[in-house]
Amino acid sequence: AVQQLGEPYNHDFNGDSQRGVGFYQFMNRAGRRSSSAYAFISP
């Protein structure tokens, strides 16, 4: 629907341009959260 308003599809909001509509990426993997506690303290 947002593309029909003229906004471009954005495959990476952290890439070349922030503008547009698309799907976010998330700090998780295979259904498990990757928090700073898991990523940096657990090891």
PDB file of all heavy atoms in Angstrom:
ATOM      1  N   ALA A   1       0.827  -1.210   0.000  1.00  0.00           N
ATOM      2  CA  ALA A   1       0.000   0.000   0.000  1.00  0.00           C
ATOM      3  C   ALA A   1       0.861   1.260   0.000  1.00  0.00           C
ATOM      4  O   ALA A   1       0.553   2.229  -0.707  1.00  0.00           O
ATOM      5  CB  ALA A   1      -0.929  -0.008   1.216  1.00  0.00           C
ATOM      6  N   VAL A   2       1.935   1.269   0.780  1.00  0.00           N
ATOM      7  CA  VAL A   2       2.793   2.465   0.838  1.00  0.00           C
ATOM      8  C   VAL A   2       3.534   2.656  -0.481  1.00  0.00           C
ATOM      9  O   VAL A   2       3.761   3.785  -0.917  1.00  0.00           O
ATOM     10  CB  VAL A   2       3.765   2.368   2.032  1.00  0.00           C
ATOM     11  CG1 VAL A   2       4.725   3.554   2.040  1.00  0.00           C
ATOM     12  CG2 VAL A   2       2.990   2.331   3.356  1.00  0.00           C
ATOM     13  N   GLN A   3       3.888   1.565  -1.146  1.00  0.00           N
ATOM     14  CA  GLN A   3       4.492   1.709  -2.477  1.00  0.00           C
ATOM     15  C   GLN A   3       3.509   2.360  -3.450  1.00  0.00           C
ATOM     16  O   GLN A   3       3.919   3.134  -4.332  1.00  0.00           O
ATOM     17  CB  GLN A   3       4.931   0.346  -3.009  1.00  0.00           C
ATOM     18  CG  GLN A   3       6.167  -0.223  -2.325  1.00  0.00           C
ATOM     19  CD  GLN A   3       6.574  -1.555  -2.918  1.00  0.00           C
ATOM     20  OE1 GLN A   3       7.250  -1.615  -3.944  1.00  0.00           O
ATOM     21  NE2 GLN A   3       6.154  -2.628  -2.273  1.00  0.00           N
ATOM     22  N   GLN A   4       2.231   2.074  -3.303  1.00  0.00           N
ATOM     23  CA  GLN A   4       1.237   2.688  -4.182  1.00  0.00           C
ATOM     24  C   GLN A   4       1.103   4.186  -3.946  1.00  0.00           C
ATOM     25  O   GLN A   4       0.546   4.904  -4.783  1.00  0.00           O
ATOM     26  CB  GLN A   4      -0.113   1.996  -4.002  1.00  0.00           C
ATOM     27  CG  GLN A   4      -0.120   0.572  -4.543  1.00  0.00           C
ATOM     28  CD  GLN A   4      -1.513  -0.050  -4.553  1.00  0.00           C
ATOM     29  OE1 GLN A   4      -2.517   0.644  -4.443  1.00  0.00           O
ATOM     30  NE2 GLN A   4      -1.559  -1.359  -4.696  1.00  0.00           N
ATOM     31  N   LEU A   5       1.638   4.665  -2.810  1.00  0.00           N
ATOM     32  CA  LEU A   5       1.678   6.109  -2.563  1.00  0.00           C
ATOM     33  C   LEU A   5       2.911   6.759  -3.183  1.00  0.00           C
ATOM     34  O   LEU A   5       3.122   7.966  -3.028  1.00  0.00           O
ATOM     35  CB  LEU A   5       1.657   6.380  -1.055  1.00  0.00           C
ATOM     36  CG  LEU A   5       0.349   6.067  -0.330  1.00  0.00           C
ATOM     37  CD1 LEU A   5       0.519   6.253   1.172  1.00  0.00           C
ATOM     38  CD2 LEU A   5      -0.784   6.951  -0.842  1.00  0.00           C
ATOM     39  N   GLY A   6       3.736   5.965  -3.858  1.00  0.00           N
ATOM     40  CA  GLY A   6       4.905   6.514  -4.542  1.00  0.00           C
ATOM     41  C   GLY A   6       6.212   6.351  -3.812  1.00  0.00           C
ATOM     42  O   GLY A   6       7.259   6.820  -4.299  1.00  0.00           O
ATOM     43  N   GLU A   7       6.198   5.687  -2.656  1.00  0.00           N
ATOM     44  CA  GLU A   7       7.447   5.484  -1.920  1.00  0.00           C
ATOM     45  C   GLU A   7       8.192   4.271  -2.468  1.00  0.00           C
ATOM     46  O   GLU A   7       7.572   3.243  -2.779  1.00  0.00           O
ATOM     47  CB  GLU A   7       7.166   5.287  -0.425  1.00  0.00           C
ATOM     48  CG  GLU A   7       6.673   6.541   0.270  1.00  0.00           C
ATOM     49  CD  GLU A   7       7.684   7.673   0.212  1.00  0.00           C
ATOM     50  OE1 GLU A   7       8.889   7.413   0.413  1.00  0.00           O
ATOM     51  OE2 GLU A   7       7.276   8.825  -0.040  1.00  0.00           O
ATOM     52  N   PRO A   8       9.516   4.343  -2.576  1.00  0.00           N
ATOM     53  CA  PRO A   8      10.279   3.210  -3.107  1.00  0.00           C
ATOM     54  C   PRO A   8      10.360   2.067  -2.103  1.00  0.00           C
ATOM     55  O   PRO A   8      10.276   2.277  -0.890  1.00  0.00           O
ATOM     56  CB  PRO A   8      11.665   3.810  -3.354  1.00  0.00           C
ATOM     57  CG  PRO A   8      11.776   4.914  -2.346  1.00  0.00           C
ATOM     58  CD  PRO A   8      10.383   5.490  -2.234  1.00  0.00           C
ATOM     59  N   TYR A   9      10.515   0.852  -2.639  1.00  0.00           N
ATOM     60  CA  TYR A   9      10.800  -0.289  -1.770  1.00  0.00           C
ATOM     61  C   TYR A   9      12.261  -0.208  -1.339  1.00  0.00           C
ATOM     62  O   TYR A   9      13.156  -0.038  -2.178  1.00  0.00           O
ATOM     63  CB  TYR A   9      10.544  -1.611  -2.492  1.00  0.00           C
ATOM     64  CG  TYR A   9      10.894  -2.815  -1.641  1.00  0.00           C
ATOM     65  CD1 TYR A   9      10.024  -3.235  -0.646  1.00  0.00           C
ATOM     66  CD2 TYR A   9      12.091  -3.489  -1.820  1.00  0.00           C
ATOM     67  CE1 TYR A   9      10.344  -4.330   0.153  1.00  0.00           C
ATOM     68  CE2 TYR A   9      12.421  -4.586  -1.028  1.00  0.00           C
ATOM     69  CZ  TYR A   9      11.540  -4.998  -0.034  1.00  0.00           C
ATOM     70  OH  TYR A   9      11.860  -6.059   0.761  1.00  0.00           O
ATOM     71  N   ASN A  10      12.514  -0.326  -0.039  1.00  0.00           N
ATOM     72  CA  ASN A  10      13.866  -0.231   0.502  1.00  0.00           C
ATOM     73  C   ASN A  10      14.251  -1.588   1.086  1.00  0.00           C
ATOM     74  O   ASN A  10      13.629  -2.052   2.046  1.00  0.00           O
ATOM     75  CB  ASN A  10      13.938   0.860   1.573  1.00  0.00           C
ATOM     76  CG  ASN A  10      15.369   1.204   1.966  1.00  0.00           C
ATOM     77  OD1 ASN A  10      16.270   0.380   1.844  1.00  0.00           O
ATOM     78  ND2 ASN A  10      15.570   2.413   2.444  1.00  0.00           N
ATOM     79  N   HIS A  11      15.281  -2.207   0.557  1.00  0.00           N
ATOM     80  CA  HIS A  11      15.681  -3.537   1.026  1.00  0.00           C
ATOM     81  C   HIS A  11      16.607  -3.461   2.231  1.00  0.00           C
ATOM     82  O   HIS A  11      16.904  -4.476   2.859  1.00  0.00           O
ATOM     83  CB  HIS A  11      16.372  -4.311  -0.100  1.00  0.00           C
ATOM     84  CG  HIS A  11      17.808  -3.942  -0.296  1.00  0.00           C
ATOM     85  ND1 HIS A  11      18.204  -2.748  -0.853  1.00  0.00           N
ATOM     86  CD2 HIS A  11      18.950  -4.621   0.008  1.00  0.00           C
ATOM     87  CE1 HIS A  11      19.521  -2.700  -0.889  1.00  0.00           C
ATOM     88  NE2 HIS A  11      19.997  -3.815  -0.370  1.00  0.00           N
ATOM     89  N   ASP A  12      17.077  -2.241   2.573  1.00  0.00           N
ATOM     90  CA  ASP A  12      18.006  -2.100   3.695  1.00  0.00           C
ATOM     91  C   ASP A  12      17.932  -0.678   4.228  1.00  0.00           C
ATOM     92  O   ASP A  12      18.503   0.244   3.651  1.00  0.00           O
ATOM     93  CB  ASP A  12      19.434  -2.431   3.251  1.00  0.00           C
ATOM     94  CG  ASP A  12      20.454  -2.244   4.371  1.00  0.00           C
ATOM     95  OD1 ASP A  12      20.044  -2.175   5.545  1.00  0.00           O
ATOM     96  OD2 ASP A  12      21.663  -2.175   4.055  1.00  0.00           O
ATOM     97  N   PHE A  13      17.247  -0.493   5.365  1.00  0.00           N
ATOM     98  CA  PHE A  13      17.125   0.840   5.962  1.00  0.00           C
ATOM     99  C   PHE A  13      18.451   1.346   6.528  1.00  0.00           C
ATOM    100  O   PHE A  13      18.565   2.518   6.879  1.00  0.00           O
ATOM    101  CB  PHE A  13      16.063   0.836   7.061  1.00  0.00           C
ATOM    102  CG  PHE A  13      14.656   0.657   6.554  1.00  0.00           C
ATOM    103  CD1 PHE A  13      13.875  -0.393   7.001  1.00  0.00           C
ATOM    104  CD2 PHE A  13      14.114   1.550   5.645  1.00  0.00           C
ATOM    105  CE1 PHE A  13      12.564  -0.556   6.550  1.00  0.00           C
ATOM    106  CE2 PHE A  13      12.810   1.399   5.183  1.00  0.00           C
ATOM    107  CZ  PHE A  13      12.033   0.340   5.631  1.00  0.00           C
ATOM    108  N   ASN A  14      19.444   0.472   6.663  1.00  0.00           N
ATOM    109  CA  ASN A  14      20.767   0.867   7.135  1.00  0.00           C
ATOM    110  C   ASN A  14      21.775   0.941   5.990  1.00  0.00           C
ATOM    111  O   ASN A  14      22.982   0.899   6.216  1.00  0.00           O
ATOM    112  CB  ASN A  14      21.269  -0.133   8.186  1.00  0.00           C
ATOM    113  CG  ASN A  14      20.429  -0.109   9.449  1.00  0.00           C
ATOM    114  OD1 ASN A  14      20.321   0.913  10.109  1.00  0.00           O
ATOM    115  ND2 ASN A  14      19.821  -1.242   9.782  1.00  0.00           N
ATOM    116  N   GLY A  15      21.278   1.061   4.775  1.00  0.00           N
ATOM    117  CA  GLY A  15      22.149   1.047   3.606  1.00  0.00           C
ATOM    118  C   GLY A  15      22.319   2.407   2.964  1.00  0.00           C
ATOM    119  O   GLY A  15      22.508   3.419   3.648  1.00  0.00           O
ATOM    120  N   ASP A  16      22.217   2.449   1.633  1.00  0.00           N
ATOM    121  CA  ASP A  16      22.484   3.675   0.877  1.00  0.00           C
ATOM    122  C   ASP A  16      21.517   4.803   1.217  1.00  0.00           C
ATOM    123  O   ASP A  16      21.893   5.969   1.207  1.00  0.00           O
ATOM    124  CB  ASP A  16      22.403   3.390  -0.625  1.00  0.00           C
ATOM    125  CG  ASP A  16      23.592   2.605  -1.127  1.00  0.00           C
ATOM    126  OD1 ASP A  16      24.662   2.699  -0.496  1.00  0.00           O
ATOM    127  OD2 ASP A  16      23.462   1.893  -2.135  1.00  0.00           O
ATOM    128  N   SER A  17      20.273   4.470   1.484  1.00  0.00           N
ATOM    129  CA  SER A  17      19.269   5.490   1.762  1.00  0.00           C
ATOM    130  C   SER A  17      18.264   4.951   2.768  1.00  0.00           C
ATOM    131  O   SER A  17      17.917   3.773   2.747  1.00  0.00           O
ATOM    132  CB  SER A  17      18.535   5.887   0.470  1.00  0.00           C
ATOM    133  OG  SER A  17      17.461   6.765   0.748  1.00  0.00           O
ATOM    134  N   GLN A  18      17.813   5.826   3.644  1.00  0.00           N
ATOM    135  CA  GLN A  18      16.833   5.415   4.644  1.00  0.00           C
ATOM    136  C   GLN A  18      15.409   5.478   4.098  1.00  0.00           C
ATOM    137  O   GLN A  18      14.518   4.774   4.602  1.00  0.00           O
ATOM    138  CB  GLN A  18      16.963   6.331   5.872  1.00  0.00           C
ATOM    139  CG  GLN A  18      16.312   5.830   7.131  1.00  0.00           C
ATOM    140  CD  GLN A  18      16.496   6.788   8.294  1.00  0.00           C
ATOM    141  OE1 GLN A  18      16.136   7.970   8.208  1.00  0.00           O
ATOM    142  NE2 GLN A  18      17.056   6.293   9.379  1.00  0.00           N
ATOM    143  N   ARG A  19      15.175   6.267   3.088  1.00  0.00           N
ATOM    144  CA  ARG A  19      13.817   6.521   2.602  1.00  0.00           C
ATOM    145  C   ARG A  19      13.188   5.278   1.982  1.00  0.00           C
ATOM    146  O   ARG A  19      13.838   4.481   1.312  1.00  0.00           O
ATOM    147  CB  ARG A  19      13.830   7.633   1.560  1.00  0.00           C
ATOM    148  CG  ARG A  19      12.426   7.957   1.043  1.00  0.00           C
ATOM    149  CD  ARG A  19      12.434   8.882  -0.138  1.00  0.00           C
ATOM    150  NE  ARG A  19      11.094   8.943  -0.740  1.00  0.00           N
ATOM    151  CZ  ARG A  19      10.816   9.535  -1.885  1.00  0.00           C
ATOM    152  NH1 ARG A  19      11.767  10.131  -2.578  1.00  0.00           N
ATOM    153  NH2 ARG A  19       9.581   9.521  -2.355  1.00  0.00           N
ATOM    154  N   GLY A  20      11.891   5.138   2.200  1.00  0.00           N
ATOM    155  CA  GLY A  20      11.125   4.092   1.535  1.00  0.00           C
ATOM    156  C   GLY A  20      10.402   3.197   2.509  1.00  0.00           C
ATOM    157  O   GLY A  20      10.302   3.473   3.707  1.00  0.00           O
ATOM    158  N   VAL A  21       9.870   2.096   1.982  1.00  0.00           N
ATOM    159  CA  VAL A  21       9.102   1.141   2.772  1.00  0.00           C
ATOM    160  C   VAL A  21       9.693  -0.239   2.558  1.00  0.00           C
ATOM    161  O   VAL A  21      10.194  -0.562   1.472  1.00  0.00           O
ATOM    162  CB  VAL A  21       7.611   1.178   2.373  1.00  0.00           C
ATOM    163  CG1 VAL A  21       7.406   0.784   0.917  1.00  0.00           C
ATOM    164  CG2 VAL A  21       6.770   0.304   3.299  1.00  0.00           C
ATOM    165  N   GLY A  22       9.652  -1.058   3.584  1.00  0.00           N
ATOM    166  CA  GLY A  22      10.213  -2.397   3.463  1.00  0.00           C
ATOM    167  C   GLY A  22      10.132  -3.142   4.776  1.00  0.00           C
ATOM    168  O   GLY A  22       9.307  -2.825   5.639  1.00  0.00           O
ATOM    169  N   PHE A  23      11.010  -4.115   4.938  1.00  0.00           N
ATOM    170  CA  PHE A  23      11.014  -4.963   6.131  1.00  0.00           C
ATOM    171  C   PHE A  23      12.283  -4.694   6.934  1.00  0.00           C
ATOM    172  O   PHE A  23      13.384  -4.610   6.381  1.00  0.00           O
ATOM    173  CB  PHE A  23      10.937  -6.441   5.732  1.00  0.00           C
ATOM    174  CG  PHE A  23       9.696  -6.760   4.940  1.00  0.00           C
ATOM    175  CD1 PHE A  23       9.740  -6.871   3.561  1.00  0.00           C
ATOM    176  CD2 PHE A  23       8.471  -6.919   5.580  1.00  0.00           C
ATOM    177  CE1 PHE A  23       8.601  -7.147   2.823  1.00  0.00           C
ATOM    178  CE2 PHE A  23       7.320  -7.198   4.848  1.00  0.00           C
ATOM    179  CZ  PHE A  23       7.382  -7.304   3.474  1.00  0.00           C
ATOM    180  N   TYR A  24      12.107  -4.560   8.226  1.00  0.00           N
ATOM    181  CA  TYR A  24      13.241  -4.309   9.115  1.00  0.00           C
ATOM    182  C   TYR A  24      14.097  -5.559   9.259  1.00  0.00           C
ATOM    183  O   TYR A  24      13.649  -6.686   9.002  1.00  0.00           O
ATOM    184  CB  TYR A  24      12.754  -3.890  10.502  1.00  0.00           C
ATOM    185  CG  TYR A  24      12.096  -2.534  10.562  1.00  0.00           C
ATOM    186  CD1 TYR A  24      10.734  -2.402  10.846  1.00  0.00           C
ATOM    187  CD2 TYR A  24      12.835  -1.377  10.348  1.00  0.00           C
ATOM    188  CE1 TYR A  24      10.141  -1.153  10.921  1.00  0.00           C
ATOM    189  CE2 TYR A  24      12.240  -0.121  10.417  1.00  0.00           C
ATOM    190  CZ  TYR A  24      10.894  -0.016  10.698  1.00  0.00           C
ATOM    191  OH  TYR A  24      10.304   1.226  10.759  1.00  0.00           O
ATOM    192  N   GLN A  25      15.329  -5.348   9.708  1.00  0.00           N
ATOM    193  CA  GLN A  25      16.130  -6.442  10.227  1.00  0.00           C
ATOM    194  C   GLN A  25      16.090  -6.377  11.746  1.00  0.00           C
ATOM    195  O   GLN A  25      15.772  -5.338  12.336  1.00  0.00           O
ATOM    196  CB  GLN A  25      17.566  -6.377   9.708  1.00  0.00           C
ATOM    197  CG  GLN A  25      17.693  -6.766   8.241  1.00  0.00           C
ATOM    198  CD  GLN A  25      19.110  -7.186   7.883  1.00  0.00           C
ATOM    199  OE1 GLN A  25      20.054  -6.425   8.033  1.00  0.00           O
ATOM    200  NE2 GLN A  25      19.267  -8.423   7.400  1.00  0.00           N
ATOM    201  N   PHE A  26      16.434  -7.512  12.373  1.00  0.00           N
ATOM    202  CA  PHE A  26      16.244  -7.634  13.816  1.00  0.00           C
ATOM    203  C   PHE A  26      17.465  -8.252  14.473  1.00  0.00           C
ATOM    204  O   PHE A  26      18.225  -9.006  13.851  1.00  0.00           O
ATOM    205  CB  PHE A  26      15.011  -8.497  14.117  1.00  0.00           C
ATOM    206  CG  PHE A  26      13.743  -7.889  13.596  1.00  0.00           C
ATOM    207  CD1 PHE A  26      13.337  -8.099  12.291  1.00  0.00           C
ATOM    208  CD2 PHE A  26      12.975  -7.074  14.397  1.00  0.00           C
ATOM    209  CE1 PHE A  26      12.185  -7.520  11.785  1.00  0.00           C
ATOM    210  CE2 PHE A  26      11.818  -6.482  13.913  1.00  0.00           C
ATOM    211  CZ  PHE A  26      11.422  -6.706  12.599  1.00  0.00           C
ATOM    212  N   MET A  27      17.618  -7.943  15.758  1.00  0.00           N
ATOM    213  CA  MET A  27      18.711  -8.504  16.543  1.00  0.00           C
ATOM    214  C   MET A  27      18.263  -9.830  17.148  1.00  0.00           C
ATOM    215  O   MET A  27      17.974  -9.942  18.343  1.00  0.00           O
ATOM    216  CB  MET A  27      19.151  -7.502  17.613  1.00  0.00           C
ATOM    217  CG  MET A  27      19.843  -6.278  17.006  1.00  0.00           C
ATOM    218  SD  MET A  27      20.204  -4.965  18.176  1.00  0.00           S
ATOM    219  CE  MET A  27      18.582  -4.199  18.311  1.00  0.00           C
ATOM    220  N   ASN A  28      18.172 -10.844  16.280  1.00  0.00           N
ATOM    221  CA  ASN A  28      17.843 -12.199  16.716  1.00  0.00           C
ATOM    222  C   ASN A  28      18.289 -13.178  15.635  1.00  0.00           C
ATOM    223  O   ASN A  28      18.719 -12.780  14.556  1.00  0.00           O
ATOM    224  CB  ASN A  28      16.341 -12.349  17.045  1.00  0.00           C
ATOM    225  CG  ASN A  28      15.439 -12.042  15.859  1.00  0.00           C
ATOM    226  OD1 ASN A  28      15.716 -12.419  14.726  1.00  0.00           O
ATOM    227  ND2 ASN A  28      14.339 -11.338  16.114  1.00  0.00           N
ATOM    228  N   ARG A  29      18.164 -14.442  15.942  1.00  0.00           N
ATOM    229  CA  ARG A  29      18.530 -15.475  14.970  1.00  0.00           C
ATOM    230  C   ARG A  29      17.806 -16.757  15.358  1.00  0.00           C
ATOM    231  O   ARG A  29      17.842 -17.178  16.518  1.00  0.00           O
ATOM    232  CB  ARG A  29      20.048 -15.692  14.971  1.00  0.00           C
ATOM    233  CG  ARG A  29      20.611 -16.725  13.983  1.00  0.00           C
ATOM    234  CD  ARG A  29      20.541 -16.221  12.540  1.00  0.00           C
ATOM    235  NE  ARG A  29      21.126 -14.914  12.318  1.00  0.00           N
ATOM    236  CZ  ARG A  29      22.435 -14.660  12.155  1.00  0.00           C
ATOM    237  NH1 ARG A  29      23.316 -15.649  12.201  1.00  0.00           N
ATOM    238  NH2 ARG A  29      22.846 -13.434  11.927  1.00  0.00           N
ATOM    239  N   ALA A  30      17.132 -17.357  14.388  1.00  0.00           N
ATOM    240  CA  ALA A  30      16.439 -18.635  14.587  1.00  0.00           C
ATOM    241  C   ALA A  30      15.478 -18.581  15.773  1.00  0.00           C
ATOM    242  O   ALA A  30      15.370 -19.522  16.553  1.00  0.00           O
ATOM    243  CB  ALA A  30      17.457 -19.759  14.781  1.00  0.00           C
ATOM    244  N   GLY A  31      14.784 -17.447  15.916  1.00  0.00           N
ATOM    245  CA  GLY A  31      13.771 -17.333  16.961  1.00  0.00           C
ATOM    246  C   GLY A  31      14.301 -17.038  18.340  1.00  0.00           C
ATOM    247  O   GLY A  31      13.558 -17.119  19.316  1.00  0.00           O
ATOM    248  N   ARG A  32      15.582 -16.642  18.448  1.00  0.00           N
ATOM    249  CA  ARG A  32      16.131 -16.313  19.764  1.00  0.00           C
ATOM    250  C   ARG A  32      16.753 -14.925  19.722  1.00  0.00           C
ATOM    251  O   ARG A  32      17.501 -14.584  18.803  1.00  0.00           O
ATOM    252  CB  ARG A  32      17.183 -17.329  20.197  1.00  0.00           C
ATOM    253  CG  ARG A  32      17.739 -17.024  21.581  1.00  0.00           C
ATOM    254  CD  ARG A  32      18.641 -18.112  22.098  1.00  0.00           C
ATOM    255  NE  ARG A  32      19.159 -17.783  23.414  1.00  0.00           N
ATOM    256  CZ  ARG A  32      19.938 -18.565  24.136  1.00  0.00           C
ATOM    257  NH1 ARG A  32      20.295 -19.751  23.669  1.00  0.00           N
ATOM    258  NH2 ARG A  32      20.380 -18.187  25.321  1.00  0.00           N
ATOM    259  N   ARG A  33      16.453 -14.139  20.740  1.00  0.00           N
ATOM    260  CA  ARG A  33      16.946 -12.774  20.853  1.00  0.00           C
ATOM    261  C   ARG A  33      18.474 -12.754  20.937  1.00  0.00           C
ATOM    262  O   ARG A  33      19.097 -13.594  21.592  1.00  0.00           O
ATOM    263  CB  ARG A  33      16.343 -12.138  22.106  1.00  0.00           C
ATOM    264  CG  ARG A  33      16.772 -10.696  22.362  1.00  0.00           C
ATOM    265  CD  ARG A  33      16.248 -10.223  23.708  1.00  0.00           C
ATOM    266  NE  ARG A  33      14.806 -10.131  23.703  1.00  0.00           N
ATOM    267  CZ  ARG A  33      14.122  -9.038  23.370  1.00  0.00           C
ATOM    268  NH1 ARG A  33      14.777  -7.957  22.986  1.00  0.00           N
ATOM    269  NH2 ARG A  33      12.799  -9.031  23.416  1.00  0.00           N
ATOM    270  N   SER A  34      19.067 -11.764  20.283  1.00  0.00           N
ATOM    271  CA  SER A  34      20.500 -11.517  20.419  1.00  0.00           C
ATOM    272  C   SER A  34      20.670 -10.174  21.119  1.00  0.00           C
ATOM    273  O   SER A  34      20.877  -9.140  20.495  1.00  0.00           O
ATOM    274  CB  SER A  34      21.198 -11.507  19.048  1.00  0.00           C
ATOM    275  OG  SER A  34      22.586 -11.323  19.185  1.00  0.00           O
ATOM    276  N   SER A  35      20.567 -10.186  22.436  1.00  0.00           N
ATOM    277  CA  SER A  35      20.719  -8.970  23.234  1.00  0.00           C
ATOM    278  C   SER A  35      22.194  -8.707  23.488  1.00  0.00           C
ATOM    279  O   SER A  35      23.066  -9.541  23.213  1.00  0.00           O
ATOM    280  CB  SER A  35      19.995  -9.130  24.571  1.00  0.00           C
ATOM    281  OG  SER A  35      20.627 -10.156  25.349  1.00  0.00           O
ATOM    282  N   SER A  36      22.500  -7.544  24.056  1.00  0.00           N
ATOM    283  CA  SER A  36      23.895  -7.272  24.399  1.00  0.00           C
ATOM    284  C   SER A  36      24.373  -8.211  25.497  1.00  0.00           C
ATOM    285  O   SER A  36      25.562  -8.523  25.579  1.00  0.00           O
ATOM    286  CB  SER A  36      24.068  -5.813  24.834  1.00  0.00           C
ATOM    287  OG  SER A  36      23.310  -5.532  25.987  1.00  0.00           O
ATOM    288  N   ALA A  37      23.439  -8.696  26.327  1.00  0.00           N
ATOM    289  CA  ALA A  37      23.821  -9.652  27.370  1.00  0.00           C
ATOM    290  C   ALA A  37      24.252 -10.974  26.752  1.00  0.00           C
ATOM    291  O   ALA A  37      25.295 -11.548  27.121  1.00  0.00           O
ATOM    292  CB  ALA A  37      22.659  -9.865  28.334  1.00  0.00           C
ATOM    293  N   TYR A  38      23.460 -11.482  25.794  1.00  0.00           N
ATOM    294  CA  TYR A  38      23.818 -12.733  25.140  1.00  0.00           C
ATOM    295  C   TYR A  38      25.047 -12.560  24.239  1.00  0.00           C
ATOM    296  O   TYR A  38      25.950 -13.408  24.215  1.00  0.00           O
ATOM    297  CB  TYR A  38      22.654 -13.260  24.305  1.00  0.00           C
ATOM    298  CG  TYR A  38      21.622 -14.017  25.108  1.00  0.00           C
ATOM    299  CD1 TYR A  38      20.288 -13.647  25.093  1.00  0.00           C
ATOM    300  CD2 TYR A  38      21.988 -15.119  25.881  1.00  0.00           C
ATOM    301  CE1 TYR A  38      19.343 -14.349  25.829  1.00  0.00           C
ATOM    302  CE2 TYR A  38      21.045 -15.823  26.616  1.00  0.00           C
ATOM    303  CZ  TYR A  38      19.729 -15.428  26.591  1.00  0.00           C
ATOM    304  OH  TYR A  38      18.795 -16.123  27.321  1.00  0.00           O
ATOM    305  N   ALA A  39      25.073 -11.476  23.470  1.00  0.00           N
ATOM    306  CA  ALA A  39      26.128 -11.310  22.471  1.00  0.00           C
ATOM    307  C   ALA A  39      27.487 -11.019  23.093  1.00  0.00           C
ATOM    308  O   ALA A  39      28.516 -11.508  22.598  1.00  0.00           O
ATOM    309  CB  ALA A  39      25.746 -10.193  21.505  1.00  0.00           C
ATOM    310  N   PHE A  40      27.516 -10.252  24.183  1.00  0.00           N
ATOM    311  CA  PHE A  40      28.791  -9.777  24.696  1.00  0.00           C
ATOM    312  C   PHE A  40      29.163 -10.324  26.081  1.00  0.00           C
ATOM    313  O   PHE A  40      30.351 -10.518  26.354  1.00  0.00           O
ATOM    314  CB  PHE A  40      28.783  -8.243  24.734  1.00  0.00           C
ATOM    315  CG  PHE A  40      28.652  -7.626  23.378  1.00  0.00           C
ATOM    316  CD1 PHE A  40      27.410  -7.275  22.879  1.00  0.00           C
ATOM    317  CD2 PHE A  40      29.766  -7.411  22.593  1.00  0.00           C
ATOM    318  CE1 PHE A  40      27.275  -6.716  21.617  1.00  0.00           C
ATOM    319  CE2 PHE A  40      29.648  -6.858  21.335  1.00  0.00           C
ATOM    320  CZ  PHE A  40      28.403  -6.506  20.834  1.00  0.00           C
ATOM    321  N   ILE A  41      28.172 -10.565  26.940  1.00  0.00           N
ATOM    322  CA  ILE A  41      28.491 -11.011  28.299  1.00  0.00           C
ATOM    323  C   ILE A  41      28.544 -12.535  28.405  1.00  0.00           C
ATOM    324  O   ILE A  41      29.445 -13.089  29.042  1.00  0.00           O
ATOM    325  CB  ILE A  41      27.472 -10.447  29.305  1.00  0.00           C
ATOM    326  CG1 ILE A  41      27.543  -8.917  29.307  1.00  0.00           C
ATOM    327  CG2 ILE A  41      27.746 -10.985  30.701  1.00  0.00           C
ATOM    328  CD1 ILE A  41      28.891  -8.330  29.672  1.00  0.00           C
ATOM    329  N   SER A  42      27.605 -13.233  27.766  1.00  0.00           N
ATOM    330  CA  SER A  42      27.582 -14.699  27.873  1.00  0.00           C
ATOM    331  C   SER A  42      28.899 -15.361  27.466  1.00  0.00           C
ATOM    332  O   SER A  42      29.342 -16.307  28.132  1.00  0.00           O
ATOM    333  CB  SER A  42      26.424 -15.272  27.050  1.00  0.00           C
ATOM    334  OG  SER A  42      25.185 -14.937  27.629  1.00  0.00           O
ATOM    335  N   PRO A  43      29.581 -14.902  26.401  1.00  0.00           N
ATOM    336  CA  PRO A  43      30.860 -15.553  26.053  1.00  0.00           C
ATOM    337  C   PRO A  43      31.935 -15.411  27.125  1.00  0.00           C
ATOM    338  O   PRO A  43      32.931 -16.140  27.097  1.00  0.00           O
ATOM    339  CB  PRO A  43      31.278 -14.817  24.767  1.00  0.00           C
ATOM    340  CG  PRO A  43      29.999 -14.313  24.187  1.00  0.00           C
ATOM    341  CD  PRO A  43      29.163 -13.940  25.365  1.00  0.00           C
TER     342      PRO A  43
END
